Every structure is written in structure tokens, then in C-alpha cells.
Amino acid sequence: MAIITAKDLSFAYDGKTVLEGVNFALSAGDYLCVVGENGSGKSTLVKGLLGLKAPDGGSIVFGEGLKPTEIGYLPQQTQLQRDFPASVGEVVLSGCLNGLGRRLHYNAADRERARMNMERMGIEELADTSYQALSGGQQQRVLLARALCATKKLLLLDEPVTGLDPIATGEMYNLIKLVNLCDNITVVMVSHDIHAAVRYATHILHLGHRQLFFGTAAAYKESAPARRFLGGGRL
């Protein structure tokens, strides 16, 4: 069974349709990159997957026992978020918040989960460091560790390498792919980096206020939407 199925999705604001005709299905362990120009509907689709905006048509169905509250989400950062006055450990641990249920406090299992994810991201020694004192690459590792505390099945990443230098960008892509492969976690990543998308992803969803392409990364390389997006260049 698919972990996510989108069928005939459409979204509108104030009665004006901004995205329509979206159909895709992802299995556990798939890695989907969502690409398209600014304003093409990528952010709207993210809001839909997170349950923050209801579709005006069609449906989103989660399978494999996944609940919408169990999606690990790494959003685009604002300057205010970059200056958030908390320790690295506190930020990562907050990823366990949706799993508290009726509990009022984090338990030992939550704290161990946070520690393990910090270790996986190579930031365990920064646990007591102020989040706002970190480099951009370190902050993104913290947010990825936080997202992993929220899920064991699906990561939703919105432009996770924006503003990072080339070295930090490569490291971030490698960490995401490692999580995808080793933990069989499905990844949905919004990206402007089409070359990285076809290198790391298993599937591509290309939006332009409607679905222009959905299929494997290999098939996308030969598609008309890819050629138009690159201005006639080749991947």
C-alpha cells in the first residue's frame, strides 16, 4: 500500500485555483523531489500534505499506518527562527512534542530519541550550545534531527539547503539520502536545485499551477518539462 496517495488534487485561494490536476502515489522508501518555478504551487502542496490547507478538490490519503501528526517537517527558516533563543538539545527534543499524547512532560524515551538523532546528525556535542550561535549548516542539521524525532516514516523538507555554502549543501543532501536509504523513510523535498533533484531522488513531481510531470528521476531527465525548465539545457 502507498504511504501517500494524491488523487485529482486542486487548491484555491479566494475562489481562484492555484494548483490542479495533481496525482501521485509514493511507497515506503521513495524519495520525491517537488520542482517548479516560484509560485507554481509547491508551497500550497506542502500545506496540503501537512493538513494546513484543505484541498478544494480531490484527496490526500495516508497509508502504512501513517498519521498526519507523524510527519517530520523541516520548514524554510525565517530570520526570527534562526535567532531562536534555545539550546540545540531543546530544539531537537521539541520534535517529540506531537508524540506526548496526554503526557505533560518528555520522558526518558523521548530524550533518548533526541540524543540518538543528534548523534546521527553529528551534533551531539552541541546539545548545550545556543541554537542561534550555530552556522547555517549546523542549524539545518539540528532541524533535520528535530524532524526525525517526529517521524519514523515520512520527512517533508521545504528547500532544506537554501542559503548554505556548497560544502554544507552537499553534506545536507548526503544526510537526507542516508536517512532515506538506511531507515526506509519516505522523503518529500521541495527544491529549486533540479540537478540535485535528479541525482538524489527516485521520483520527480514538476508543478506549474498543475501537474506537468510525475515519474521516475530517470524518465524526468528525458521529459519536455525538464528541458523547458532548464531552458534547453541537459541534466
C-alpha atoms as a PDB file:
ATOM      1  CA  MET A   1       0.000   0.000   0.000  1.00  0.00           C
ATOM      2  CA  ALA A   2       1.203   3.520  -0.789  1.00  0.00           C
ATOM      3  CA  ILE A   3       2.271   5.697   2.116  1.00  0.00           C
ATOM      4  CA  ILE A   4       0.820   8.776   0.353  1.00  0.00           C
ATOM      5  CA  THR A   5      -1.720   8.899  -2.452  1.00  0.00           C
ATOM      6  CA  ALA A   6      -2.804  12.183  -4.016  1.00  0.00           C
ATOM      7  CA  LYS A   7      -5.765  11.932  -6.378  1.00  0.00           C
ATOM      8  CA  ASP A   8      -7.044  14.767  -8.586  1.00  0.00           C
ATOM      9  CA  LEU A   9      -5.844  17.366  -6.070  1.00  0.00           C
ATOM     10  CA  SER A  10      -6.698  21.010  -6.527  1.00  0.00           C
ATOM     11  CA  PHE A  11      -6.250  24.050  -4.286  1.00  0.00           C
ATOM     12  CA  ALA A  12      -7.644  27.562  -4.464  1.00  0.00           C
ATOM     13  CA  TYR A  13      -7.364  30.877  -2.653  1.00  0.00           C
ATOM     14  CA  ASP A  14     -10.385  33.197  -2.577  1.00  0.00           C
ATOM     15  CA  GLY A  15     -12.042  31.128  -5.254  1.00  0.00           C
ATOM     16  CA  LYS A  16      -9.051  31.262  -7.640  1.00  0.00           C
ATOM     17  CA  THR A  17      -7.469  27.911  -8.439  1.00  0.00           C
ATOM     18  CA  VAL A  18      -3.694  27.935  -7.922  1.00  0.00           C
ATOM     19  CA  LEU A  19      -2.931  24.235  -8.341  1.00  0.00           C
ATOM     20  CA  GLU A  20      -4.877  21.453 -10.037  1.00  0.00           C
ATOM     21  CA  GLY A  21      -4.621  18.010 -11.558  1.00  0.00           C
ATOM     22  CA  VAL A  22      -2.128  16.583  -9.053  1.00  0.00           C
ATOM     23  CA  ASN A  23      -1.932  12.787  -8.982  1.00  0.00           C
ATOM     24  CA  PHE A  24       0.849  10.727  -7.439  1.00  0.00           C
ATOM     25  CA  ALA A  25       1.492   7.792  -5.126  1.00  0.00           C
ATOM     26  CA  LEU A  26       4.593   7.100  -3.049  1.00  0.00           C
ATOM     27  CA  SER A  27       5.677   3.869  -1.405  1.00  0.00           C
ATOM     28  CA  ALA A  28       7.760   3.493   1.743  1.00  0.00           C
ATOM     29  CA  GLY A  29      11.362   4.444   0.985  1.00  0.00           C
ATOM     30  CA  ASP A  30      10.604   6.585  -2.074  1.00  0.00           C
ATOM     31  CA  TYR A  31      12.353   9.952  -2.400  1.00  0.00           C
ATOM     32  CA  LEU A  32      10.284  12.579  -4.197  1.00  0.00           C
ATOM     33  CA  CYS A  33      11.565  15.997  -5.247  1.00  0.00           C
ATOM     34  CA  VAL A  34       8.907  18.610  -5.998  1.00  0.00           C
ATOM     35  CA  VAL A  35      10.206  21.159  -8.500  1.00  0.00           C
ATOM     36  CA  GLY A  36       8.835  24.147 -10.402  1.00  0.00           C
ATOM     37  CA  GLU A  37       9.193  27.875 -10.730  1.00  0.00           C
ATOM     38  CA  ASN A  38       8.320  30.302  -7.928  1.00  0.00           C
ATOM     39  CA  GLY A  39       4.568  30.494  -7.487  1.00  0.00           C
ATOM     40  CA  SER A  40       3.971  27.169  -9.224  1.00  0.00           C
ATOM     41  CA  GLY A  41       2.091  25.644  -6.280  1.00  0.00           C
ATOM     42  CA  LYS A  42       4.878  23.890  -4.379  1.00  0.00           C
ATOM     43  CA  SER A  43       4.217  25.683  -1.058  1.00  0.00           C
ATOM     44  CA  THR A  44       0.497  25.116  -1.436  1.00  0.00           C
ATOM     45  CA  LEU A  45       1.056  21.380  -1.890  1.00  0.00           C
ATOM     46  CA  VAL A  46       3.233  21.328   1.250  1.00  0.00           C
ATOM     47  CA  LYS A  47       0.438  22.985   3.228  1.00  0.00           C
ATOM     48  CA  GLY A  48      -1.971  20.402   1.890  1.00  0.00           C
ATOM     49  CA  LEU A  49       0.223  17.462   2.883  1.00  0.00           C
ATOM     50  CA  LEU A  50       0.614  18.920   6.374  1.00  0.00           C
ATOM     51  CA  GLY A  51      -3.133  19.400   6.741  1.00  0.00           C
ATOM     52  CA  LEU A  52      -2.751  23.182   6.955  1.00  0.00           C
ATOM     53  CA  LYS A  53      -4.872  23.769   3.846  1.00  0.00           C
ATOM     54  CA  ALA A  54      -7.780  21.622   2.761  1.00  0.00           C
ATOM     55  CA  PRO A  55      -7.981  20.658  -0.922  1.00  0.00           C
ATOM     56  CA  ASP A  56     -10.741  22.269  -2.963  1.00  0.00           C
ATOM     57  CA  GLY A  57     -10.943  19.048  -4.926  1.00  0.00           C
ATOM     58  CA  GLY A  58      -9.529  15.551  -4.802  1.00  0.00           C
ATOM     59  CA  SER A  59      -7.978  13.802  -1.845  1.00  0.00           C
ATOM     60  CA  ILE A  60      -4.790  13.007   0.077  1.00  0.00           C
ATOM     61  CA  VAL A  61      -4.720   9.554   1.667  1.00  0.00           C
ATOM     62  CA  PHE A  62      -2.021   8.325   4.045  1.00  0.00           C
ATOM     63  CA  GLY A  63      -1.292   4.606   4.286  1.00  0.00           C
ATOM     64  CA  GLU A  64       1.080   2.284   6.146  1.00  0.00           C
ATOM     65  CA  GLY A  65      -0.425   3.452   9.444  1.00  0.00           C
ATOM     66  CA  LEU A  66       0.896   6.997   8.983  1.00  0.00           C
ATOM     67  CA  LYS A  67      -0.979   9.796  10.723  1.00  0.00           C
ATOM     68  CA  PRO A  68      -0.732  13.439   9.563  1.00  0.00           C
ATOM     69  CA  THR A  69       0.683  14.313  13.009  1.00  0.00           C
ATOM     70  CA  GLU A  70       3.556  11.858  12.430  1.00  0.00           C
ATOM     71  CA  ILE A  71       5.150  13.742   9.528  1.00  0.00           C
ATOM     72  CA  GLY A  72       8.635  15.082  10.208  1.00  0.00           C
ATOM     73  CA  TYR A  73       8.691  18.617   8.791  1.00  0.00           C
ATOM     74  CA  LEU A  74      11.676  20.837   8.089  1.00  0.00           C
ATOM     75  CA  PRO A  75      10.362  24.272   7.001  1.00  0.00           C
ATOM     76  CA  GLN A  76      12.118  27.142   5.317  1.00  0.00           C
ATOM     77  CA  GLN A  77      13.699  29.252   8.040  1.00  0.00           C
ATOM     78  CA  THR A  78      12.965  32.905   8.702  1.00  0.00           C
ATOM     79  CA  GLN A  79      15.500  35.190  10.371  1.00  0.00           C
ATOM     80  CA  LEU A  80      13.399  35.138  13.540  1.00  0.00           C
ATOM     81  CA  GLN A  81      13.634  31.333  13.651  1.00  0.00           C
ATOM     82  CA  ARG A  82      17.407  31.449  13.074  1.00  0.00           C
ATOM     83  CA  ASP A  83      17.693  33.617  16.192  1.00  0.00           C
ATOM     84  CA  PHE A  84      15.506  31.362  18.345  1.00  0.00           C
ATOM     85  CA  PRO A  85      16.843  31.514  21.938  1.00  0.00           C
ATOM     86  CA  ALA A  86      17.037  27.841  22.881  1.00  0.00           C
ATOM     87  CA  SER A  87      19.699  25.182  23.153  1.00  0.00           C
ATOM     88  CA  VAL A  88      20.289  22.635  20.403  1.00  0.00           C
ATOM     89  CA  GLY A  89      19.025  19.864  22.678  1.00  0.00           C
ATOM     90  CA  GLU A  90      15.802  21.740  23.409  1.00  0.00           C
ATOM     91  CA  VAL A  91      15.119  22.361  19.733  1.00  0.00           C
ATOM     92  CA  VAL A  92      15.680  18.707  18.789  1.00  0.00           C
ATOM     93  CA  LEU A  93      13.620  17.409  21.718  1.00  0.00           C
ATOM     94  CA  SER A  94      10.682  19.590  20.643  1.00  0.00           C
ATOM     95  CA  GLY A  95      10.281  17.229  17.693  1.00  0.00           C
ATOM     96  CA  CYS A  96       8.792  14.735  20.157  1.00  0.00           C
ATOM     97  CA  LEU A  97       6.005  17.150  21.109  1.00  0.00           C
ATOM     98  CA  ASN A  98       3.259  15.587  18.965  1.00  0.00           C
ATOM     99  CA  GLY A  99       4.034  12.206  20.496  1.00  0.00           C
ATOM    100  CA  LEU A 100       3.364  13.299  24.065  1.00  0.00           C
ATOM    101  CA  GLY A 101      -0.337  12.499  23.888  1.00  0.00           C
ATOM    102  CA  ARG A 102      -1.780  13.178  27.328  1.00  0.00           C
ATOM    103  CA  ARG A 103       1.643  13.352  28.941  1.00  0.00           C
ATOM    104  CA  LEU A 104       2.692  16.780  30.185  1.00  0.00           C
ATOM    105  CA  HIS A 105       6.432  16.167  30.040  1.00  0.00           C
ATOM    106  CA  TYR A 106       9.027  14.435  27.903  1.00  0.00           C
ATOM    107  CA  ASN A 107      10.055  11.034  29.208  1.00  0.00           C
ATOM    108  CA  ALA A 108      13.321   9.099  29.097  1.00  0.00           C
ATOM    109  CA  ALA A 109      12.418   7.515  25.748  1.00  0.00           C
ATOM    110  CA  ASP A 110      11.852  10.962  24.203  1.00  0.00           C
ATOM    111  CA  ARG A 111      15.202  12.206  25.477  1.00  0.00           C
ATOM    112  CA  GLU A 112      16.981   9.107  24.188  1.00  0.00           C
ATOM    113  CA  ARG A 113      15.351   9.553  20.784  1.00  0.00           C
ATOM    114  CA  ALA A 114      16.564  13.157  20.679  1.00  0.00           C
ATOM    115  CA  ARG A 115      20.074  12.102  21.701  1.00  0.00           C
ATOM    116  CA  MET A 116      20.237   9.394  19.053  1.00  0.00           C
ATOM    117  CA  ASN A 117      19.111  11.754  16.306  1.00  0.00           C
ATOM    118  CA  MET A 118      21.637  14.381  17.370  1.00  0.00           C
ATOM    119  CA  GLU A 119      24.311  11.695  17.241  1.00  0.00           C
ATOM    120  CA  ARG A 120      23.211  10.658  13.749  1.00  0.00           C
ATOM    121  CA  MET A 121      23.451  14.260  12.553  1.00  0.00           C
ATOM    122  CA  GLY A 122      26.876  14.736  14.160  1.00  0.00           C
ATOM    123  CA  ILE A 123      25.689  17.439  16.564  1.00  0.00           C
ATOM    124  CA  GLU A 124      25.514  15.584  19.897  1.00  0.00           C
ATOM    125  CA  GLU A 125      28.406  17.622  21.314  1.00  0.00           C
ATOM    126  CA  LEU A 126      26.409  20.806  20.552  1.00  0.00           C
ATOM    127  CA  ALA A 127      23.429  19.802  22.721  1.00  0.00           C
ATOM    128  CA  ASP A 128      24.003  22.600  25.253  1.00  0.00           C
ATOM    129  CA  THR A 129      25.011  25.210  22.661  1.00  0.00           C
ATOM    130  CA  SER A 130      22.660  28.058  21.785  1.00  0.00           C
ATOM    131  CA  TYR A 131      20.864  27.359  18.513  1.00  0.00           C
ATOM    132  CA  GLN A 132      21.304  30.951  17.360  1.00  0.00           C
ATOM    133  CA  ALA A 133      25.109  30.654  17.702  1.00  0.00           C
ATOM    134  CA  LEU A 134      25.334  27.913  15.055  1.00  0.00           C
ATOM    135  CA  SER A 135      26.263  28.174  11.397  1.00  0.00           C
ATOM    136  CA  GLY A 136      23.537  27.746   8.794  1.00  0.00           C
ATOM    137  CA  GLY A 137      24.640  24.199   8.042  1.00  0.00           C
ATOM    138  CA  GLN A 138      24.637  23.246  11.723  1.00  0.00           C
ATOM    139  CA  GLN A 139      21.173  24.752  12.194  1.00  0.00           C
ATOM    140  CA  GLN A 140      19.817  22.659   9.341  1.00  0.00           C
ATOM    141  CA  ARG A 141      21.284  19.525  10.917  1.00  0.00           C
ATOM    142  CA  VAL A 142      19.503  20.460  14.148  1.00  0.00           C
ATOM    143  CA  LEU A 143      16.198  20.899  12.309  1.00  0.00           C
ATOM    144  CA  LEU A 144      16.644  17.585  10.496  1.00  0.00           C
ATOM    145  CA  ALA A 145      17.288  15.855  13.835  1.00  0.00           C
ATOM    146  CA  ARG A 146      14.158  17.540  15.178  1.00  0.00           C
ATOM    147  CA  ALA A 147      12.108  16.336  12.200  1.00  0.00           C
ATOM    148  CA  LEU A 148      13.390  12.788  12.710  1.00  0.00           C
ATOM    149  CA  CYS A 149      12.159  12.887  16.317  1.00  0.00           C
ATOM    150  CA  ALA A 150       8.655  13.442  14.932  1.00  0.00           C
ATOM    151  CA  THR A 151       8.546  10.544  12.478  1.00  0.00           C
ATOM    152  CA  LYS A 152       9.701   7.075  11.552  1.00  0.00           C
ATOM    153  CA  LYS A 153       8.018   7.071   8.136  1.00  0.00           C
ATOM    154  CA  LEU A 154       7.825  10.417   6.287  1.00  0.00           C
ATOM    155  CA  LEU A 155      10.010  13.525   6.055  1.00  0.00           C
ATOM    156  CA  LEU A 156       8.715  16.676   4.367  1.00  0.00           C
ATOM    157  CA  LEU A 157      11.559  19.100   3.615  1.00  0.00           C
ATOM    158  CA  ASP A 158      10.967  22.598   2.232  1.00  0.00           C
ATOM    159  CA  GLU A 159      14.105  23.928   0.485  1.00  0.00           C
ATOM    160  CA  PRO A 160      16.450  22.437   3.139  1.00  0.00           C
ATOM    161  CA  VAL A 161      19.682  23.790   1.601  1.00  0.00           C
ATOM    162  CA  THR A 162      18.652  27.400   0.953  1.00  0.00           C
ATOM    163  CA  GLY A 163      21.445  29.787   1.959  1.00  0.00           C
ATOM    164  CA  LEU A 164      24.007  27.040   2.626  1.00  0.00           C
ATOM    165  CA  ASP A 165      27.512  27.057   1.160  1.00  0.00           C
ATOM    166  CA  PRO A 166      28.425  24.294  -1.328  1.00  0.00           C
ATOM    167  CA  ILE A 167      30.103  22.081   1.305  1.00  0.00           C
ATOM    168  CA  ALA A 168      27.204  22.327   3.758  1.00  0.00           C
ATOM    169  CA  THR A 169      24.767  21.770   0.879  1.00  0.00           C
ATOM    170  CA  GLY A 170      26.482  18.535  -0.145  1.00  0.00           C
ATOM    171  CA  GLU A 171      26.607  17.326   3.449  1.00  0.00           C
ATOM    172  CA  MET A 172      22.899  18.032   3.917  1.00  0.00           C
ATOM    173  CA  TYR A 173      21.925  16.167   0.756  1.00  0.00           C
ATOM    174  CA  ASN A 174      24.040  13.194   1.833  1.00  0.00           C
ATOM    175  CA  LEU A 175      22.455  13.105   5.297  1.00  0.00           C
ATOM    176  CA  ILE A 176      18.959  13.169   3.815  1.00  0.00           C
ATOM    177  CA  LYS A 177      19.775  10.360   1.398  1.00  0.00           C
ATOM    178  CA  LEU A 178      21.356   8.323   4.201  1.00  0.00           C
ATOM    179  CA  VAL A 179      18.183   8.614   6.288  1.00  0.00           C
ATOM    180  CA  ASN A 180      16.118   7.676   3.238  1.00  0.00           C
ATOM    181  CA  LEU A 181      18.167   4.574   2.449  1.00  0.00           C
ATOM    182  CA  CYS A 182      19.122   3.304   5.900  1.00  0.00           C
ATOM    183  CA  ASP A 183      15.827   3.932   7.697  1.00  0.00           C
ATOM    184  CA  ASN A 184      13.486   3.394   4.717  1.00  0.00           C
ATOM    185  CA  ILE A 185      11.948   6.792   5.457  1.00  0.00           C
ATOM    186  CA  THR A 186       9.969   8.317   2.604  1.00  0.00           C
ATOM    187  CA  VAL A 187      11.239  11.789   1.688  1.00  0.00           C
ATOM    188  CA  VAL A 188       9.286  14.588   0.008  1.00  0.00           C
ATOM    189  CA  MET A 189      11.576  17.539  -0.687  1.00  0.00           C
ATOM    190  CA  VAL A 190      10.703  20.856  -2.316  1.00  0.00           C
ATOM    191  CA  SER A 191      13.724  22.100  -4.225  1.00  0.00           C
ATOM    192  CA  HIS A 192      14.886  24.620  -6.823  1.00  0.00           C
ATOM    193  CA  ASP A 193      18.048  22.571  -7.385  1.00  0.00           C
ATOM    194  CA  ILE A 194      16.989  20.431 -10.322  1.00  0.00           C
ATOM    195  CA  HIS A 195      20.415  18.853 -10.768  1.00  0.00           C
ATOM    196  CA  ALA A 196      20.463  17.632  -7.149  1.00  0.00           C
ATOM    197  CA  ALA A 197      16.851  16.516  -7.520  1.00  0.00           C
ATOM    198  CA  VAL A 198      17.601  14.078 -10.336  1.00  0.00           C
ATOM    199  CA  ARG A 199      20.808  12.948  -8.619  1.00  0.00           C
ATOM    200  CA  TYR A 200      19.320  12.052  -5.236  1.00  0.00           C
ATOM    201  CA  ALA A 201      15.587  11.480  -5.784  1.00  0.00           C
ATOM    202  CA  THR A 202      13.823   8.370  -7.019  1.00  0.00           C
ATOM    203  CA  HIS A 203      10.848  10.383  -8.318  1.00  0.00           C
ATOM    204  CA  ILE A 204      10.154  13.918  -9.552  1.00  0.00           C
ATOM    205  CA  LEU A 205       6.929  15.919  -9.352  1.00  0.00           C
ATOM    206  CA  HIS A 206       7.051  19.025 -11.559  1.00  0.00           C
ATOM    207  CA  LEU A 207       4.400  21.661 -10.908  1.00  0.00           C
ATOM    208  CA  GLY A 208       3.327  24.707 -12.889  1.00  0.00           C
ATOM    209  CA  HIS A 209      -0.057  25.537 -11.325  1.00  0.00           C
ATOM    210  CA  ARG A 210      -0.894  21.996 -12.421  1.00  0.00           C
ATOM    211  CA  GLN A 211       0.978  18.731 -12.605  1.00  0.00           C
ATOM    212  CA  LEU A 212       3.406  18.839 -15.527  1.00  0.00           C
ATOM    213  CA  PHE A 213       5.214  15.593 -14.718  1.00  0.00           C
ATOM    214  CA  PHE A 214       5.289  12.778 -12.206  1.00  0.00           C
ATOM    215  CA  GLY A 215       7.523   9.765 -12.601  1.00  0.00           C
ATOM    216  CA  THR A 216      10.999   8.436 -12.020  1.00  0.00           C
ATOM    217  CA  ALA A 217      14.026  10.716 -11.992  1.00  0.00           C
ATOM    218  CA  ALA A 218      15.419   8.823 -14.984  1.00  0.00           C
ATOM    219  CA  ALA A 219      12.275   9.440 -17.030  1.00  0.00           C
ATOM    220  CA  TYR A 220      12.191  13.083 -15.975  1.00  0.00           C
ATOM    221  CA  LYS A 221      15.628  13.713 -17.481  1.00  0.00           C
ATOM    222  CA  GLU A 222      14.174  12.983 -20.915  1.00  0.00           C
ATOM    223  CA  SER A 223      10.896  14.851 -20.424  1.00  0.00           C
ATOM    224  CA  ALA A 224       9.727  18.052 -22.088  1.00  0.00           C
ATOM    225  CA  PRO A 225       9.077  19.807 -18.734  1.00  0.00           C
ATOM    226  CA  ALA A 226      12.696  19.190 -17.701  1.00  0.00           C
ATOM    227  CA  ARG A 227      14.023  20.610 -20.981  1.00  0.00           C
ATOM    228  CA  ARG A 228      11.798  23.694 -20.729  1.00  0.00           C
ATOM    229  CA  PHE A 229      12.726  24.229 -17.077  1.00  0.00           C
ATOM    230  CA  LEU A 230      16.414  24.178 -17.978  1.00  0.00           C
ATOM    231  CA  GLY A 231      15.994  26.451 -20.974  1.00  0.00           C
ATOM    232  CA  GLY A 232      17.055  23.782 -23.436  1.00  0.00           C
ATOM    233  CA  GLY A 233      19.956  22.501 -21.347  1.00  0.00           C
ATOM    234  CA  ARG A 234      20.532  18.885 -20.367  1.00  0.00           C
ATOM    235  CA  LEU A 235      20.678  17.193 -17.000  1.00  0.00           C
END
